[in-house]
Amino acid sequence: MSVITCPSCNTPAPPGAIFCDHCGYDLRTVAPLAPSMAPASSIPTPQAQEGDIICVSCRHVNIAGSAFCENCGAQLTQASRAPQPPPQQSTWQQTAVTPASKASGIQSPVSPQLPQDSIPGRLVIQETQVSLPIPAGKQEIILGREDPVSGVFPDIDLDPYGGHEAGVGRRHARLIIKSGQVYLEDLDSVNGTAVNRQRIPAHQPVPLKSGDEVRLGKMALMYFAG
């Protein structure tokens, strides 16, 4: 392949160079050492690499350290350096929620909601509409009638609301929660327990959902989870 030598500074120039990239001398009048020089237009423009300098006049990519553009002879400056690629963001940075990311629809990973570990809600006596809050933070609630003589102290005492007359036992039934699901269990009561008017077997917990009717003996209550 033909080579051009700059007559001013004796620096070799690549085939097709118009100006010396060392001193800026016009090489268009200098004959190549071999006749096989390819025209400048046939030389592919290299892709800019980190540190390369891009000529602001003709956008030609020059190798790092060049003082003059090898295509048009213009003086190269530091401002013409090829921009370095931005650092890659981590996955968490890319998905962090900011005002801009909210506008673009990018959202941070959402942690799965943990199942409820305590019994929520309240019981409402249907006849009187008295609301009985379920004690907070418990995984088991005993429903019945308080009897200090026998040492029975249920979590929800139905004796003041006509429980004795309605046939509610001292330890009549219990509410329990497992994996976020509330269950009702009859504790082998004398007068039985029913959910939505269906009597349930003793010691066999059945699922309970908000709005279900619970009967302890003759006392009817509604369970509300909220």
C-alpha atoms as a PDB file:
ATOM      1  CA  MET A   1       0.000   0.000   0.000  1.00  0.00           C
ATOM      2  CA  SER A   2       1.337   3.506  -0.895  1.00  0.00           C
ATOM      3  CA  VAL A   3       2.574   5.846   1.831  1.00  0.00           C
ATOM      4  CA  ILE A   4       2.906   9.642   1.812  1.00  0.00           C
ATOM      5  CA  THR A   5       5.782  11.261   3.687  1.00  0.00           C
ATOM      6  CA  CYS A   6       5.341  14.848   4.827  1.00  0.00           C
ATOM      7  CA  PRO A   7       8.160  16.954   3.260  1.00  0.00           C
ATOM      8  CA  SER A   8       7.949  19.398   6.149  1.00  0.00           C
ATOM      9  CA  CYS A   9       8.413  17.080   9.140  1.00  0.00           C
ATOM     10  CA  ASN A  10       9.064  13.673   7.475  1.00  0.00           C
ATOM     11  CA  THR A  11       6.115  12.146   9.286  1.00  0.00           C
ATOM     12  CA  PRO A  12       4.451   9.218   7.396  1.00  0.00           C
ATOM     13  CA  ALA A  13       0.842   9.847   6.485  1.00  0.00           C
ATOM     14  CA  PRO A  14      -1.835   7.217   5.704  1.00  0.00           C
ATOM     15  CA  PRO A  15      -2.965   6.782   2.102  1.00  0.00           C
ATOM     16  CA  GLY A  16      -5.442   9.498   1.082  1.00  0.00           C
ATOM     17  CA  ALA A  17      -4.377  11.981   3.762  1.00  0.00           C
ATOM     18  CA  ILE A  18      -4.762  15.585   2.630  1.00  0.00           C
ATOM     19  CA  PHE A  19      -2.955  17.262   5.526  1.00  0.00           C
ATOM     20  CA  CYS A  20      -0.194  16.043   7.832  1.00  0.00           C
ATOM     21  CA  ASP A  21      -1.714  15.176  11.209  1.00  0.00           C
ATOM     22  CA  HIS A  22       1.517  16.259  12.911  1.00  0.00           C
ATOM     23  CA  CYS A  23       2.255  19.698  11.425  1.00  0.00           C
ATOM     24  CA  GLY A  24      -0.745  20.404   9.168  1.00  0.00           C
ATOM     25  CA  TYR A  25       1.244  20.554   5.922  1.00  0.00           C
ATOM     26  CA  ASP A  26      -0.848  20.342   2.705  1.00  0.00           C
ATOM     27  CA  LEU A  27      -0.143  16.854   1.298  1.00  0.00           C
ATOM     28  CA  ARG A  28      -2.254  17.201  -1.826  1.00  0.00           C
ATOM     29  CA  THR A  29       0.821  18.241  -3.863  1.00  0.00           C
ATOM     30  CA  VAL A  30       2.964  15.405  -2.545  1.00  0.00           C
ATOM     31  CA  ALA A  31       3.149  12.293  -4.679  1.00  0.00           C
ATOM     32  CA  PRO A  32       2.800   8.912  -2.949  1.00  0.00           C
ATOM     33  CA  LEU A  33       5.738   6.535  -2.897  1.00  0.00           C
ATOM     34  CA  ALA A  34       3.711   3.927  -4.775  1.00  0.00           C
ATOM     35  CA  PRO A  35       1.002   4.409  -7.437  1.00  0.00           C
ATOM     36  CA  SER A  36      -1.526   2.221  -5.714  1.00  0.00           C
ATOM     37  CA  MET A  37      -2.841   4.926  -3.354  1.00  0.00           C
ATOM     38  CA  ALA A  38      -6.580   4.688  -2.986  1.00  0.00           C
ATOM     39  CA  PRO A  39      -8.604   7.916  -3.279  1.00  0.00           C
ATOM     40  CA  ALA A  40      -9.568   9.572   0.005  1.00  0.00           C
ATOM     41  CA  SER A  41     -13.246   9.056  -0.682  1.00  0.00           C
ATOM     42  CA  SER A  42     -12.783   5.268  -0.701  1.00  0.00           C
ATOM     43  CA  ILE A  43     -11.234   5.172   2.805  1.00  0.00           C
ATOM     44  CA  PRO A  44     -13.947   4.146   5.287  1.00  0.00           C
ATOM     45  CA  THR A  45     -14.439   6.504   8.204  1.00  0.00           C
ATOM     46  CA  PRO A  46     -13.462   4.658  11.384  1.00  0.00           C
ATOM     47  CA  GLN A  47     -15.844   4.488  14.329  1.00  0.00           C
ATOM     48  CA  ALA A  48     -14.985   6.850  17.166  1.00  0.00           C
ATOM     49  CA  GLN A  49     -13.267   5.136  20.070  1.00  0.00           C
ATOM     50  CA  GLU A  50     -12.680   6.461  23.555  1.00  0.00           C
ATOM     51  CA  GLY A  51     -10.014   9.208  23.373  1.00  0.00           C
ATOM     52  CA  ASP A  52     -10.341   9.802  19.605  1.00  0.00           C
ATOM     53  CA  ILE A  53     -10.720  13.395  18.424  1.00  0.00           C
ATOM     54  CA  ILE A  54     -13.571  14.427  16.121  1.00  0.00           C
ATOM     55  CA  CYS A  55     -12.911  17.352  13.800  1.00  0.00           C
ATOM     56  CA  VAL A  56     -15.503  20.098  14.358  1.00  0.00           C
ATOM     57  CA  SER A  57     -15.177  21.188  10.727  1.00  0.00           C
ATOM     58  CA  CYS A  58     -15.679  17.956   8.811  1.00  0.00           C
ATOM     59  CA  ARG A  59     -16.624  15.469  11.623  1.00  0.00           C
ATOM     60  CA  HIS A  60     -13.706  13.218  10.664  1.00  0.00           C
ATOM     61  CA  VAL A  61     -12.512  10.870  13.406  1.00  0.00           C
ATOM     62  CA  ASN A  62      -8.826  11.337  14.203  1.00  0.00           C
ATOM     63  CA  ILE A  63      -6.697   9.128  16.400  1.00  0.00           C
ATOM     64  CA  ALA A  64      -5.835  10.251  19.916  1.00  0.00           C
ATOM     65  CA  GLY A  65      -2.999  12.781  20.083  1.00  0.00           C
ATOM     66  CA  SER A  66      -3.573  14.289  16.616  1.00  0.00           C
ATOM     67  CA  ALA A  67      -2.995  18.058  16.430  1.00  0.00           C
ATOM     68  CA  PHE A  68      -4.543  18.590  12.986  1.00  0.00           C
ATOM     69  CA  CYS A  69      -7.370  16.831  11.146  1.00  0.00           C
ATOM     70  CA  GLU A  70      -5.966  14.372   8.642  1.00  0.00           C
ATOM     71  CA  ASN A  71      -8.957  15.010   6.357  1.00  0.00           C
ATOM     72  CA  CYS A  72      -9.264  18.820   6.223  1.00  0.00           C
ATOM     73  CA  GLY A  73      -6.207  20.133   8.091  1.00  0.00           C
ATOM     74  CA  ALA A  74      -8.186  22.015  10.731  1.00  0.00           C
ATOM     75  CA  GLN A  75      -6.568  22.355  14.144  1.00  0.00           C
ATOM     76  CA  LEU A  76      -8.025  19.907  16.653  1.00  0.00           C
ATOM     77  CA  THR A  77      -8.976  20.889  20.184  1.00  0.00           C
ATOM     78  CA  GLN A  78      -9.715  19.037  23.409  1.00  0.00           C
ATOM     79  CA  ALA A  79     -13.399  19.950  23.009  1.00  0.00           C
ATOM     80  CA  SER A  80     -13.519  17.782  19.888  1.00  0.00           C
ATOM     81  CA  ARG A  81     -12.771  14.571  21.768  1.00  0.00           C
ATOM     82  CA  ALA A  82     -15.238  11.729  21.236  1.00  0.00           C
ATOM     83  CA  PRO A  83     -17.586  11.537  24.256  1.00  0.00           C
ATOM     84  CA  GLN A  84     -17.051   8.631  26.611  1.00  0.00           C
ATOM     85  CA  PRO A  85     -19.998   6.273  27.036  1.00  0.00           C
ATOM     86  CA  PRO A  86     -21.994   6.917  30.237  1.00  0.00           C
ATOM     87  CA  PRO A  87     -21.548   4.383  33.047  1.00  0.00           C
ATOM     88  CA  GLN A  88     -24.101   1.606  33.178  1.00  0.00           C
ATOM     89  CA  GLN A  89     -26.688   1.993  35.892  1.00  0.00           C
ATOM     90  CA  SER A  90     -27.393  -0.837  38.260  1.00  0.00           C
ATOM     91  CA  THR A  91     -30.743  -2.608  38.079  1.00  0.00           C
ATOM     92  CA  TRP A  92     -31.882  -0.893  41.266  1.00  0.00           C
ATOM     93  CA  GLN A  93     -30.925   2.563  39.942  1.00  0.00           C
ATOM     94  CA  GLN A  94     -32.847   1.917  36.748  1.00  0.00           C
ATOM     95  CA  THR A  95     -35.983   0.969  38.628  1.00  0.00           C
ATOM     96  CA  ALA A  96     -35.848   3.497  41.490  1.00  0.00           C
ATOM     97  CA  VAL A  97     -38.986   5.615  41.746  1.00  0.00           C
ATOM     98  CA  THR A  98     -38.363   9.332  41.106  1.00  0.00           C
ATOM     99  CA  PRO A  99     -40.700  12.031  39.802  1.00  0.00           C
ATOM    100  CA  ALA A 100     -39.214  11.480  36.328  1.00  0.00           C
ATOM    101  CA  SER A 101     -39.539   7.702  36.542  1.00  0.00           C
ATOM    102  CA  LYS A 102     -43.162   8.020  37.653  1.00  0.00           C
ATOM    103  CA  ALA A 103     -43.857  10.112  34.575  1.00  0.00           C
ATOM    104  CA  SER A 104     -42.178   7.543  32.323  1.00  0.00           C
ATOM    105  CA  GLY A 105     -43.948   4.604  33.942  1.00  0.00           C
ATOM    106  CA  ILE A 106     -40.812   3.024  35.490  1.00  0.00           C
ATOM    107  CA  GLN A 107     -41.556   1.697  38.943  1.00  0.00           C
ATOM    108  CA  SER A 108     -39.426   0.192  41.656  1.00  0.00           C
ATOM    109  CA  PRO A 109     -39.841  -3.475  42.519  1.00  0.00           C
ATOM    110  CA  VAL A 110     -42.805  -3.983  44.793  1.00  0.00           C
ATOM    111  CA  SER A 111     -42.333  -6.174  47.774  1.00  0.00           C
ATOM    112  CA  PRO A 112     -45.007  -8.844  48.140  1.00  0.00           C
ATOM    113  CA  GLN A 113     -47.565  -8.080  50.823  1.00  0.00           C
ATOM    114  CA  LEU A 114     -47.208 -10.324  53.865  1.00  0.00           C
ATOM    115  CA  PRO A 115     -50.300 -12.255  54.950  1.00  0.00           C
ATOM    116  CA  GLN A 116     -52.216 -10.917  57.965  1.00  0.00           C
ATOM    117  CA  ASP A 117     -51.025 -12.587  61.178  1.00  0.00           C
ATOM    118  CA  SER A 118     -53.749 -11.373  63.549  1.00  0.00           C
ATOM    119  CA  ILE A 119     -57.543 -11.590  63.413  1.00  0.00           C
ATOM    120  CA  PRO A 120     -59.033  -8.379  62.021  1.00  0.00           C
ATOM    121  CA  GLY A 121     -62.495  -6.880  62.310  1.00  0.00           C
ATOM    122  CA  ARG A 122     -65.500  -7.031  64.633  1.00  0.00           C
ATOM    123  CA  LEU A 123     -68.645  -8.962  65.512  1.00  0.00           C
ATOM    124  CA  VAL A 124     -72.045  -7.276  65.412  1.00  0.00           C
ATOM    125  CA  ILE A 125     -74.989  -8.708  67.393  1.00  0.00           C
ATOM    126  CA  GLN A 126     -77.864  -8.753  64.894  1.00  0.00           C
ATOM    127  CA  GLU A 127     -80.694  -8.169  67.348  1.00  0.00           C
ATOM    128  CA  THR A 128     -79.224  -5.079  69.021  1.00  0.00           C
ATOM    129  CA  GLN A 129     -76.615  -3.990  66.432  1.00  0.00           C
ATOM    130  CA  VAL A 130     -74.038  -3.792  69.197  1.00  0.00           C
ATOM    131  CA  SER A 131     -70.544  -3.877  67.705  1.00  0.00           C
ATOM    132  CA  LEU A 132     -67.919  -5.941  69.523  1.00  0.00           C
ATOM    133  CA  PRO A 133     -64.354  -5.168  68.349  1.00  0.00           C
ATOM    134  CA  ILE A 134     -62.060  -8.161  68.069  1.00  0.00           C
ATOM    135  CA  PRO A 135     -59.008  -7.644  70.336  1.00  0.00           C
ATOM    136  CA  ALA A 136     -56.072  -6.553  68.189  1.00  0.00           C
ATOM    137  CA  GLY A 137     -52.862  -8.500  67.680  1.00  0.00           C
ATOM    138  CA  LYS A 138     -54.235 -11.969  68.479  1.00  0.00           C
ATOM    139  CA  GLN A 139     -54.172 -15.154  66.431  1.00  0.00           C
ATOM    140  CA  GLU A 140     -56.857 -16.858  68.550  1.00  0.00           C
ATOM    141  CA  ILE A 141     -60.044 -15.382  70.065  1.00  0.00           C
ATOM    142  CA  ILE A 142     -62.287 -17.332  72.456  1.00  0.00           C
ATOM    143  CA  LEU A 143     -66.023 -16.552  72.282  1.00  0.00           C
ATOM    144  CA  GLY A 144     -68.152 -17.387  75.309  1.00  0.00           C
ATOM    145  CA  ARG A 145     -69.317 -16.243  78.759  1.00  0.00           C
ATOM    146  CA  GLU A 146     -67.126 -15.121  81.627  1.00  0.00           C
ATOM    147  CA  ASP A 147     -67.315 -17.262  84.786  1.00  0.00           C
ATOM    148  CA  PRO A 148     -64.818 -16.241  87.491  1.00  0.00           C
ATOM    149  CA  VAL A 149     -65.847 -19.196  89.667  1.00  0.00           C
ATOM    150  CA  SER A 150     -64.776 -21.633  86.963  1.00  0.00           C
ATOM    151  CA  GLY A 151     -61.814 -19.470  85.954  1.00  0.00           C
ATOM    152  CA  VAL A 152     -63.163 -18.911  82.446  1.00  0.00           C
ATOM    153  CA  PHE A 153     -62.374 -15.531  80.881  1.00  0.00           C
ATOM    154  CA  PRO A 154     -63.094 -15.540  77.119  1.00  0.00           C
ATOM    155  CA  ASP A 155     -61.623 -12.825  74.878  1.00  0.00           C
ATOM    156  CA  ILE A 156     -65.154 -11.729  73.924  1.00  0.00           C
ATOM    157  CA  ASP A 157     -67.654 -12.077  76.790  1.00  0.00           C
ATOM    158  CA  LEU A 158     -71.208 -12.390  75.478  1.00  0.00           C
ATOM    159  CA  ASP A 159     -72.866 -12.700  78.894  1.00  0.00           C
ATOM    160  CA  PRO A 160     -73.692  -8.944  79.158  1.00  0.00           C
ATOM    161  CA  TYR A 161     -75.503  -9.163  75.784  1.00  0.00           C
ATOM    162  CA  GLY A 162     -77.883 -12.000  76.620  1.00  0.00           C
ATOM    163  CA  GLY A 163     -75.449 -14.811  76.011  1.00  0.00           C
ATOM    164  CA  HIS A 164     -76.702 -16.955  78.884  1.00  0.00           C
ATOM    165  CA  GLU A 165     -80.324 -16.732  77.736  1.00  0.00           C
ATOM    166  CA  ALA A 166     -79.282 -17.486  74.136  1.00  0.00           C
ATOM    167  CA  GLY A 167     -77.466 -20.664  75.142  1.00  0.00           C
ATOM    168  CA  VAL A 168     -73.893 -19.455  74.653  1.00  0.00           C
ATOM    169  CA  GLY A 169     -71.421 -21.693  76.463  1.00  0.00           C
ATOM    170  CA  ARG A 170     -68.548 -20.499  78.645  1.00  0.00           C
ATOM    171  CA  ARG A 171     -66.032 -21.596  75.988  1.00  0.00           C
ATOM    172  CA  HIS A 172     -68.397 -21.856  73.061  1.00  0.00           C
ATOM    173  CA  ALA A 173     -66.222 -21.268  69.970  1.00  0.00           C
ATOM    174  CA  ARG A 174     -63.017 -19.666  68.823  1.00  0.00           C
ATOM    175  CA  LEU A 175     -61.715 -17.597  65.927  1.00  0.00           C
ATOM    176  CA  ILE A 176     -58.258 -18.451  64.593  1.00  0.00           C
ATOM    177  CA  ILE A 177     -56.156 -17.187  61.688  1.00  0.00           C
ATOM    178  CA  LYS A 178     -53.818 -19.248  59.494  1.00  0.00           C
ATOM    179  CA  SER A 179     -51.935 -17.886  56.474  1.00  0.00           C
ATOM    180  CA  GLY A 180     -54.147 -14.811  56.439  1.00  0.00           C
ATOM    181  CA  GLN A 181     -57.440 -16.784  56.482  1.00  0.00           C
ATOM    182  CA  VAL A 182     -59.842 -16.474  59.433  1.00  0.00           C
ATOM    183  CA  TYR A 183     -61.519 -19.694  60.653  1.00  0.00           C
ATOM    184  CA  LEU A 184     -64.318 -20.407  63.123  1.00  0.00           C
ATOM    185  CA  GLU A 185     -64.171 -23.531  65.290  1.00  0.00           C
ATOM    186  CA  ASP A 186     -66.859 -24.916  67.609  1.00  0.00           C
ATOM    187  CA  LEU A 187     -65.366 -25.998  70.963  1.00  0.00           C
ATOM    188  CA  ASP A 188     -67.791 -28.899  71.485  1.00  0.00           C
ATOM    189  CA  SER A 189     -70.517 -26.539  72.711  1.00  0.00           C
ATOM    190  CA  VAL A 190     -73.856 -27.874  74.035  1.00  0.00           C
ATOM    191  CA  ASN A 191     -76.046 -25.718  71.782  1.00  0.00           C
ATOM    192  CA  GLY A 192     -73.825 -25.770  68.708  1.00  0.00           C
ATOM    193  CA  THR A 193     -72.294 -23.242  66.277  1.00  0.00           C
ATOM    194  CA  ALA A 194     -73.487 -22.374  62.765  1.00  0.00           C
ATOM    195  CA  VAL A 195     -72.097 -20.338  59.864  1.00  0.00           C
ATOM    196  CA  ASN A 196     -74.700 -18.910  57.477  1.00  0.00           C
ATOM    197  CA  ARG A 197     -77.295 -21.179  59.186  1.00  0.00           C
ATOM    198  CA  GLN A 198     -75.213 -24.316  58.529  1.00  0.00           C
ATOM    199  CA  ARG A 199     -74.191 -26.103  61.733  1.00  0.00           C
ATOM    200  CA  ILE A 200     -70.493 -26.916  61.809  1.00  0.00           C
ATOM    201  CA  PRO A 201     -68.917 -30.011  63.406  1.00  0.00           C
ATOM    202  CA  ALA A 202     -67.044 -29.599  66.666  1.00  0.00           C
ATOM    203  CA  HIS A 203     -63.271 -29.079  66.482  1.00  0.00           C
ATOM    204  CA  GLN A 204     -63.323 -28.701  62.677  1.00  0.00           C
ATOM    205  CA  PRO A 205     -62.396 -25.107  61.738  1.00  0.00           C
ATOM    206  CA  VAL A 206     -64.310 -23.678  58.763  1.00  0.00           C
ATOM    207  CA  PRO A 207     -63.279 -20.582  56.738  1.00  0.00           C
ATOM    208  CA  LEU A 208     -64.988 -17.350  57.692  1.00  0.00           C
ATOM    209  CA  LYS A 209     -65.250 -14.320  55.428  1.00  0.00           C
ATOM    210  CA  SER A 210     -66.473 -10.787  55.961  1.00  0.00           C
ATOM    211  CA  GLY A 211     -70.278 -10.606  55.998  1.00  0.00           C
ATOM    212  CA  ASP A 212     -70.858 -14.186  57.189  1.00  0.00           C
ATOM    213  CA  GLU A 213     -73.486 -14.877  59.854  1.00  0.00           C
ATOM    214  CA  VAL A 214     -72.292 -16.683  62.976  1.00  0.00           C
ATOM    215  CA  ARG A 215     -74.741 -18.320  65.404  1.00  0.00           C
ATOM    216  CA  LEU A 216     -73.663 -19.354  68.886  1.00  0.00           C
ATOM    217  CA  GLY A 217     -76.656 -21.226  70.237  1.00  0.00           C
ATOM    218  CA  LYS A 218     -79.508 -18.810  69.504  1.00  0.00           C
ATOM    219  CA  MET A 219     -77.357 -15.682  69.386  1.00  0.00           C
ATOM    220  CA  ALA A 220     -76.846 -14.404  65.834  1.00  0.00           C
ATOM    221  CA  LEU A 221     -73.834 -12.245  65.005  1.00  0.00           C
ATOM    222  CA  MET A 222     -72.321 -10.878  61.805  1.00  0.00           C
ATOM    223  CA  TYR A 223     -68.566 -11.012  61.213  1.00  0.00           C
ATOM    224  CA  PHE A 224     -66.966  -8.034  59.445  1.00  0.00           C
ATOM    225  CA  ALA A 225     -63.274  -8.073  58.613  1.00  0.00           C
ATOM    226  CA  GLY A 226     -63.055  -4.282  58.330  1.00  0.00           C
END
